[in-house]
């Protein structure tokens, strides 16, 4: 018996490397970081930080749903921004997905993100 279960949905972008969209282990869901790839095209279509954040959160929403949970079960997020100057604009979109009881969070600026993305977010969620 495996200690982990791989989660995959065709509604979110395919992995661009040797990793899974998410893993279930020990009653928790661990997602890989999602960048704003449009699953229909396999490319980053959105240009603004707001539009890229929306795409990232939609991608995460589909991965969470495939595991049978939603954003209200998220206990921790890690957010990566290519430019901390986008922090307020990022928060304006991110906050819509956590209207109350927001999870714990780390948010850092990084030198670069895959495919030139402006934002990447990963989550940890408790399963029911």
N, C-alpha and C. Protein backbone atom coordinates (compact mmCIF):
# COMPACT_ATOMS: atom_id res chain seq x y z
N UNK A 1 0.84 -1.19 0.00
CA UNK A 1 0.00 0.00 0.00
C UNK A 1 0.88 1.25 0.00
N UNK A 2 0.59 2.15 -0.91
CA UNK A 2 1.37 3.37 -1.03
C UNK A 2 0.99 4.37 0.07
N UNK A 3 1.96 5.12 0.54
CA UNK A 3 1.66 6.13 1.57
C UNK A 3 1.18 7.43 0.94
N UNK A 4 1.21 7.48 -0.41
CA UNK A 4 0.76 8.70 -1.07
C UNK A 4 -0.12 8.36 -2.27
N UNK A 5 -0.98 9.32 -2.60
CA UNK A 5 -1.86 9.19 -3.76
C UNK A 5 -1.63 10.40 -4.64
N UNK A 6 -1.41 10.17 -5.91
CA UNK A 6 -1.20 11.26 -6.87
C UNK A 6 -2.56 11.82 -7.29
N UNK A 7 -2.66 13.14 -7.30
CA UNK A 7 -3.87 13.84 -7.76
C UNK A 7 -3.55 14.49 -9.09
N UNK A 8 -4.42 14.26 -10.08
CA UNK A 8 -4.24 14.88 -11.39
C UNK A 8 -5.61 15.20 -11.97
N UNK A 9 -5.73 16.38 -12.55
CA UNK A 9 -6.94 16.77 -13.27
C UNK A 9 -6.55 17.38 -14.60
N UNK A 10 -7.30 17.07 -15.62
CA UNK A 10 -7.09 17.67 -16.92
C UNK A 10 -7.56 19.12 -16.99
N UNK A 11 -8.26 19.58 -15.93
CA UNK A 11 -8.74 20.96 -15.90
C UNK A 11 -7.66 21.96 -15.52
N UNK A 12 -6.56 21.45 -14.96
CA UNK A 12 -5.41 22.30 -14.60
C UNK A 12 -4.26 21.92 -15.55
N UNK A 13 -3.28 22.80 -15.67
CA UNK A 13 -2.16 22.52 -16.59
C UNK A 13 -1.40 21.26 -16.23
N UNK A 14 -0.89 20.58 -17.25
CA UNK A 14 -0.02 19.44 -17.03
C UNK A 14 1.26 19.93 -16.37
N UNK A 15 1.89 19.06 -15.64
CA UNK A 15 3.18 19.39 -15.02
C UNK A 15 4.20 19.67 -16.13
N UNK A 16 5.04 20.69 -15.92
CA UNK A 16 6.06 21.04 -16.91
C UNK A 16 7.41 20.44 -16.53
N UNK A 17 7.37 19.43 -15.67
CA UNK A 17 8.59 18.76 -15.23
C UNK A 17 8.22 17.46 -14.53
N UNK A 18 9.19 16.83 -13.90
CA UNK A 18 8.94 15.56 -13.22
C UNK A 18 8.33 15.74 -11.83
N UNK A 19 7.08 16.14 -11.79
CA UNK A 19 6.35 16.31 -10.54
C UNK A 19 4.87 16.10 -10.78
N UNK A 20 4.12 15.94 -9.71
CA UNK A 20 2.67 15.76 -9.77
C UNK A 20 1.98 17.07 -9.46
N UNK A 21 0.75 17.23 -9.94
CA UNK A 21 -0.03 18.42 -9.60
C UNK A 21 -0.23 18.50 -8.09
N UNK A 22 -0.47 17.35 -7.47
CA UNK A 22 -0.67 17.32 -6.03
C UNK A 22 -0.49 15.89 -5.52
N UNK A 23 -0.26 15.80 -4.22
CA UNK A 23 -0.11 14.51 -3.54
C UNK A 23 -0.96 14.53 -2.28
N UNK A 24 -1.67 13.43 -2.04
CA UNK A 24 -2.38 13.23 -0.78
C UNK A 24 -1.54 12.28 0.06
N UNK A 25 -1.29 12.68 1.30
CA UNK A 25 -0.56 11.83 2.25
C UNK A 25 -0.93 12.25 3.66
N UNK A 26 -1.15 11.30 4.51
CA UNK A 26 -1.41 11.60 5.92
C UNK A 26 -2.59 12.52 6.16
N UNK A 27 -3.64 12.40 5.35
CA UNK A 27 -4.83 13.23 5.54
C UNK A 27 -4.67 14.67 5.07
N UNK A 28 -3.59 14.93 4.35
CA UNK A 28 -3.33 16.29 3.85
C UNK A 28 -3.12 16.25 2.34
N UNK A 29 -3.42 17.37 1.69
CA UNK A 29 -3.18 17.55 0.26
C UNK A 29 -2.07 18.58 0.11
N UNK A 30 -1.06 18.22 -0.65
CA UNK A 30 0.07 19.11 -0.92
C UNK A 30 0.10 19.37 -2.42
N UNK A 31 -0.12 20.62 -2.83
CA UNK A 31 -0.07 20.91 -4.26
C UNK A 31 1.33 21.37 -4.65
N UNK A 32 1.65 21.11 -5.89
CA UNK A 32 2.84 21.73 -6.46
C UNK A 32 2.49 23.19 -6.74
N UNK A 33 3.50 24.01 -6.90
CA UNK A 33 3.24 25.39 -7.24
C UNK A 33 2.55 25.49 -8.59
N UNK A 34 1.56 26.33 -8.66
CA UNK A 34 0.86 26.58 -9.92
C UNK A 34 1.29 27.94 -10.45
N UNK A 35 1.70 27.96 -11.70
CA UNK A 35 1.95 29.21 -12.40
C UNK A 35 0.74 29.45 -13.31
N UNK A 36 0.60 30.64 -13.89
CA UNK A 36 -0.63 30.98 -14.61
C UNK A 36 -0.75 30.41 -16.02
N UNK A 37 -0.47 29.13 -16.16
CA UNK A 37 -0.63 28.48 -17.46
C UNK A 37 -2.12 28.25 -17.71
N UNK A 38 -2.56 28.63 -18.89
CA UNK A 38 -3.93 28.36 -19.32
C UNK A 38 -3.95 26.90 -19.78
N UNK A 39 -4.72 26.03 -19.12
CA UNK A 39 -4.69 24.61 -19.49
C UNK A 39 -5.17 24.35 -20.92
N UNK A 40 -5.95 25.26 -21.48
CA UNK A 40 -6.45 25.08 -22.85
C UNK A 40 -5.35 25.26 -23.89
N UNK A 41 -4.38 26.13 -23.60
CA UNK A 41 -3.32 26.41 -24.57
C UNK A 41 -1.96 25.89 -24.15
N UNK A 42 -1.80 25.62 -22.83
CA UNK A 42 -0.51 25.20 -22.32
C UNK A 42 0.50 26.33 -22.23
N UNK A 43 -0.01 27.57 -22.30
CA UNK A 43 0.86 28.74 -22.27
C UNK A 43 0.33 29.76 -21.26
N UNK A 44 1.20 30.69 -20.90
CA UNK A 44 0.76 31.82 -20.07
C UNK A 44 0.16 32.85 -21.01
N UNK A 45 -1.13 33.08 -20.88
CA UNK A 45 -1.84 34.02 -21.74
C UNK A 45 -2.03 35.37 -21.04
N UNK A 46 -2.25 35.34 -19.73
CA UNK A 46 -2.50 36.55 -18.96
C UNK A 46 -1.22 37.37 -18.84
N UNK A 47 -1.38 38.68 -18.89
CA UNK A 47 -0.20 39.56 -18.82
C UNK A 47 -0.07 40.31 -17.50
N UNK A 48 -1.18 40.73 -16.92
CA UNK A 48 -1.11 41.51 -15.69
C UNK A 48 -1.00 40.58 -14.48
N UNK A 49 -0.51 41.12 -13.37
CA UNK A 49 -0.42 40.33 -12.14
C UNK A 49 -1.80 39.88 -11.69
N UNK A 50 -2.81 40.74 -11.85
CA UNK A 50 -4.17 40.37 -11.45
C UNK A 50 -4.69 39.19 -12.28
N UNK A 51 -4.54 39.25 -13.59
CA UNK A 51 -5.02 38.18 -14.46
C UNK A 51 -4.22 36.89 -14.25
N UNK A 52 -2.92 37.03 -14.02
CA UNK A 52 -2.11 35.84 -13.75
C UNK A 52 -2.50 35.20 -12.42
N UNK A 53 -2.77 36.02 -11.41
CA UNK A 53 -3.19 35.49 -10.11
C UNK A 53 -4.52 34.77 -10.24
N UNK A 54 -5.46 35.34 -10.98
CA UNK A 54 -6.76 34.67 -11.22
C UNK A 54 -6.55 33.30 -11.84
N UNK A 55 -5.67 33.21 -12.84
CA UNK A 55 -5.43 31.93 -13.50
C UNK A 55 -4.80 30.92 -12.53
N UNK A 56 -3.84 31.37 -11.74
CA UNK A 56 -3.21 30.51 -10.75
C UNK A 56 -4.26 29.97 -9.77
N UNK A 57 -5.11 30.84 -9.28
CA UNK A 57 -6.10 30.42 -8.29
C UNK A 57 -7.15 29.49 -8.91
N UNK A 58 -7.53 29.73 -10.15
CA UNK A 58 -8.44 28.80 -10.84
C UNK A 58 -7.78 27.43 -11.00
N UNK A 59 -6.51 27.42 -11.39
CA UNK A 59 -5.79 26.15 -11.53
C UNK A 59 -5.78 25.40 -10.20
N UNK A 60 -5.49 26.12 -9.12
CA UNK A 60 -5.48 25.49 -7.80
C UNK A 60 -6.88 24.99 -7.42
N UNK A 61 -7.89 25.76 -7.76
CA UNK A 61 -9.27 25.38 -7.45
C UNK A 61 -9.60 24.02 -8.09
N UNK A 62 -9.17 23.81 -9.32
CA UNK A 62 -9.43 22.55 -10.01
C UNK A 62 -8.66 21.40 -9.37
N UNK A 63 -7.43 21.63 -8.96
CA UNK A 63 -6.65 20.59 -8.30
C UNK A 63 -7.28 20.24 -6.95
N UNK A 64 -7.66 21.26 -6.20
CA UNK A 64 -8.33 21.02 -4.92
C UNK A 64 -9.61 20.21 -5.13
N UNK A 65 -10.41 20.59 -6.11
CA UNK A 65 -11.67 19.89 -6.37
C UNK A 65 -11.44 18.43 -6.73
N UNK A 66 -10.39 18.16 -7.48
CA UNK A 66 -10.08 16.77 -7.85
C UNK A 66 -9.80 15.93 -6.61
N UNK A 67 -9.28 16.56 -5.56
CA UNK A 67 -9.02 15.87 -4.30
C UNK A 67 -10.23 15.90 -3.36
N UNK A 68 -11.31 16.56 -3.79
CA UNK A 68 -12.53 16.60 -2.99
C UNK A 68 -12.59 17.68 -1.94
N UNK A 69 -11.78 18.73 -2.10
CA UNK A 69 -11.80 19.84 -1.15
C UNK A 69 -11.87 21.17 -1.89
N UNK A 70 -11.98 22.25 -1.13
CA UNK A 70 -12.00 23.59 -1.71
C UNK A 70 -11.10 24.51 -0.88
N UNK A 71 -11.08 25.77 -1.24
CA UNK A 71 -10.18 26.72 -0.57
C UNK A 71 -10.43 26.83 0.93
N UNK A 72 -11.64 26.51 1.39
CA UNK A 72 -11.91 26.63 2.83
C UNK A 72 -11.16 25.58 3.65
N UNK A 73 -10.56 24.59 3.00
CA UNK A 73 -9.77 23.56 3.70
C UNK A 73 -8.27 23.84 3.66
N UNK A 74 -7.89 24.92 2.99
CA UNK A 74 -6.47 25.26 2.87
C UNK A 74 -5.96 25.80 4.20
N UNK A 75 -4.86 25.23 4.68
CA UNK A 75 -4.29 25.65 5.96
C UNK A 75 -3.01 26.47 5.80
N UNK A 76 -2.34 26.35 4.63
CA UNK A 76 -1.09 27.08 4.43
C UNK A 76 -0.88 27.30 2.94
N UNK A 77 -0.42 28.48 2.58
CA UNK A 77 -0.01 28.75 1.21
C UNK A 77 1.41 29.31 1.21
N UNK A 78 2.07 29.08 0.11
CA UNK A 78 3.36 29.71 -0.13
C UNK A 78 3.22 30.40 -1.48
N UNK A 79 3.50 31.69 -1.49
CA UNK A 79 3.30 32.51 -2.68
C UNK A 79 4.64 33.09 -3.12
N UNK A 80 4.89 33.02 -4.40
CA UNK A 80 6.14 33.51 -4.97
C UNK A 80 5.81 34.60 -5.98
N UNK A 81 6.40 35.76 -5.82
CA UNK A 81 6.20 36.88 -6.75
C UNK A 81 7.52 37.22 -7.42
N UNK A 82 7.46 37.51 -8.71
CA UNK A 82 8.66 37.93 -9.42
C UNK A 82 9.02 39.36 -9.04
N UNK A 83 8.02 40.14 -8.57
CA UNK A 83 8.23 41.53 -8.20
C UNK A 83 7.37 41.86 -6.98
N UNK A 84 7.99 42.14 -5.85
CA UNK A 84 7.23 42.46 -4.64
C UNK A 84 6.43 43.74 -4.81
N UNK A 85 6.72 44.51 -5.83
CA UNK A 85 5.90 45.67 -6.15
C UNK A 85 4.48 45.28 -6.55
N UNK A 86 4.27 44.01 -6.89
CA UNK A 86 2.94 43.50 -7.26
C UNK A 86 2.16 42.99 -6.05
N UNK A 87 2.72 43.12 -4.85
CA UNK A 87 2.14 42.55 -3.64
C UNK A 87 0.68 42.99 -3.42
N UNK A 88 0.39 44.26 -3.49
CA UNK A 88 -0.97 44.75 -3.24
C UNK A 88 -1.94 44.25 -4.30
N UNK A 89 -1.54 44.28 -5.56
CA UNK A 89 -2.41 43.81 -6.65
C UNK A 89 -2.64 42.31 -6.52
N UNK A 90 -1.60 41.57 -6.18
CA UNK A 90 -1.73 40.13 -5.94
C UNK A 90 -2.73 39.87 -4.82
N UNK A 91 -2.57 40.58 -3.69
CA UNK A 91 -3.46 40.40 -2.55
C UNK A 91 -4.92 40.69 -2.89
N UNK A 92 -5.17 41.66 -3.77
CA UNK A 92 -6.55 42.01 -4.12
C UNK A 92 -7.27 40.84 -4.77
N UNK A 93 -6.56 40.03 -5.53
CA UNK A 93 -7.16 38.86 -6.17
C UNK A 93 -7.13 37.66 -5.21
N UNK A 94 -5.99 37.40 -4.63
CA UNK A 94 -5.81 36.27 -3.71
C UNK A 94 -6.86 36.31 -2.60
N UNK A 95 -7.09 37.49 -2.05
CA UNK A 95 -8.02 37.64 -0.93
C UNK A 95 -9.45 37.23 -1.25
N UNK A 96 -9.85 37.31 -2.52
CA UNK A 96 -11.21 36.91 -2.91
C UNK A 96 -11.42 35.40 -2.70
N UNK A 97 -10.34 34.64 -2.73
CA UNK A 97 -10.45 33.19 -2.58
C UNK A 97 -10.43 32.76 -1.12
N UNK A 98 -10.10 33.69 -0.23
CA UNK A 98 -10.08 33.43 1.20
C UNK A 98 -10.79 34.58 1.92
N UNK A 99 -12.13 34.69 1.74
CA UNK A 99 -12.85 35.83 2.31
C UNK A 99 -12.88 35.86 3.83
N UNK A 100 -12.72 34.70 4.47
CA UNK A 100 -12.63 34.66 5.94
C UNK A 100 -11.78 33.47 6.34
N UNK A 101 -11.24 33.53 7.54
CA UNK A 101 -10.38 32.46 8.05
C UNK A 101 -9.26 32.11 7.06
N UNK A 102 -8.55 33.12 6.61
CA UNK A 102 -7.47 32.91 5.66
C UNK A 102 -6.42 31.97 6.24
N UNK A 103 -5.78 31.19 5.37
CA UNK A 103 -4.74 30.27 5.86
C UNK A 103 -3.46 31.01 6.26
N UNK A 104 -2.59 30.30 6.92
CA UNK A 104 -1.24 30.82 7.16
C UNK A 104 -0.59 30.99 5.79
N UNK A 105 0.37 31.92 5.68
CA UNK A 105 0.94 32.19 4.37
C UNK A 105 2.35 32.72 4.48
N UNK A 106 3.16 32.33 3.52
CA UNK A 106 4.46 32.96 3.28
C UNK A 106 4.39 33.55 1.88
N UNK A 107 4.96 34.74 1.70
CA UNK A 107 4.98 35.37 0.38
C UNK A 107 6.36 35.98 0.20
N UNK A 108 7.05 35.54 -0.85
CA UNK A 108 8.41 36.00 -1.07
C UNK A 108 8.61 36.42 -2.52
N UNK A 109 9.57 37.30 -2.71
CA UNK A 109 9.99 37.66 -4.07
C UNK A 109 11.12 36.72 -4.47
N UNK A 110 11.06 36.26 -5.71
CA UNK A 110 12.09 35.36 -6.23
C UNK A 110 12.72 35.99 -7.47
N UNK A 111 13.90 35.52 -7.83
CA UNK A 111 14.62 36.08 -8.98
C UNK A 111 13.88 35.83 -10.29
N UNK A 112 13.25 34.67 -10.43
CA UNK A 112 12.52 34.34 -11.65
C UNK A 112 11.60 33.17 -11.37
N UNK A 113 10.55 33.06 -12.18
CA UNK A 113 9.61 31.95 -12.08
C UNK A 113 9.54 31.23 -13.43
N UNK A 114 9.09 29.98 -13.44
CA UNK A 114 9.02 29.24 -14.70
C UNK A 114 8.21 29.96 -15.77
N UNK A 115 8.68 29.89 -16.99
CA UNK A 115 7.99 30.43 -18.17
C UNK A 115 7.77 31.94 -18.10
N UNK A 116 8.52 32.63 -17.25
CA UNK A 116 8.39 34.08 -17.15
C UNK A 116 7.17 34.53 -16.36
N UNK A 117 6.58 33.64 -15.58
CA UNK A 117 5.40 33.99 -14.79
C UNK A 117 5.71 35.08 -13.78
N UNK A 118 4.68 35.83 -13.42
CA UNK A 118 4.80 36.86 -12.40
C UNK A 118 4.47 36.32 -11.01
N UNK A 119 3.77 35.16 -10.95
CA UNK A 119 3.29 34.63 -9.68
C UNK A 119 3.23 33.10 -9.74
N UNK A 120 3.46 32.50 -8.57
CA UNK A 120 3.28 31.05 -8.38
C UNK A 120 2.77 30.86 -6.96
N UNK A 121 1.82 29.93 -6.81
CA UNK A 121 1.24 29.66 -5.49
C UNK A 121 1.13 28.16 -5.30
N UNK A 122 1.49 27.69 -4.10
CA UNK A 122 1.27 26.30 -3.72
C UNK A 122 0.46 26.30 -2.43
N UNK A 123 -0.31 25.23 -2.22
CA UNK A 123 -1.15 25.16 -1.02
C UNK A 123 -1.04 23.81 -0.34
N UNK A 124 -1.35 23.82 0.95
CA UNK A 124 -1.51 22.62 1.74
C UNK A 124 -2.93 22.68 2.31
N UNK A 125 -3.68 21.60 2.12
CA UNK A 125 -5.07 21.57 2.58
C UNK A 125 -5.33 20.32 3.41
N UNK A 126 -6.21 20.46 4.40
CA UNK A 126 -6.64 19.33 5.20
C UNK A 126 -7.80 18.63 4.49
N UNK A 127 -7.73 17.32 4.40
CA UNK A 127 -8.81 16.57 3.77
C UNK A 127 -9.92 16.32 4.78
N UNK A 128 -11.11 16.04 4.29
CA UNK A 128 -12.27 15.81 5.16
C UNK A 128 -12.18 14.50 5.80
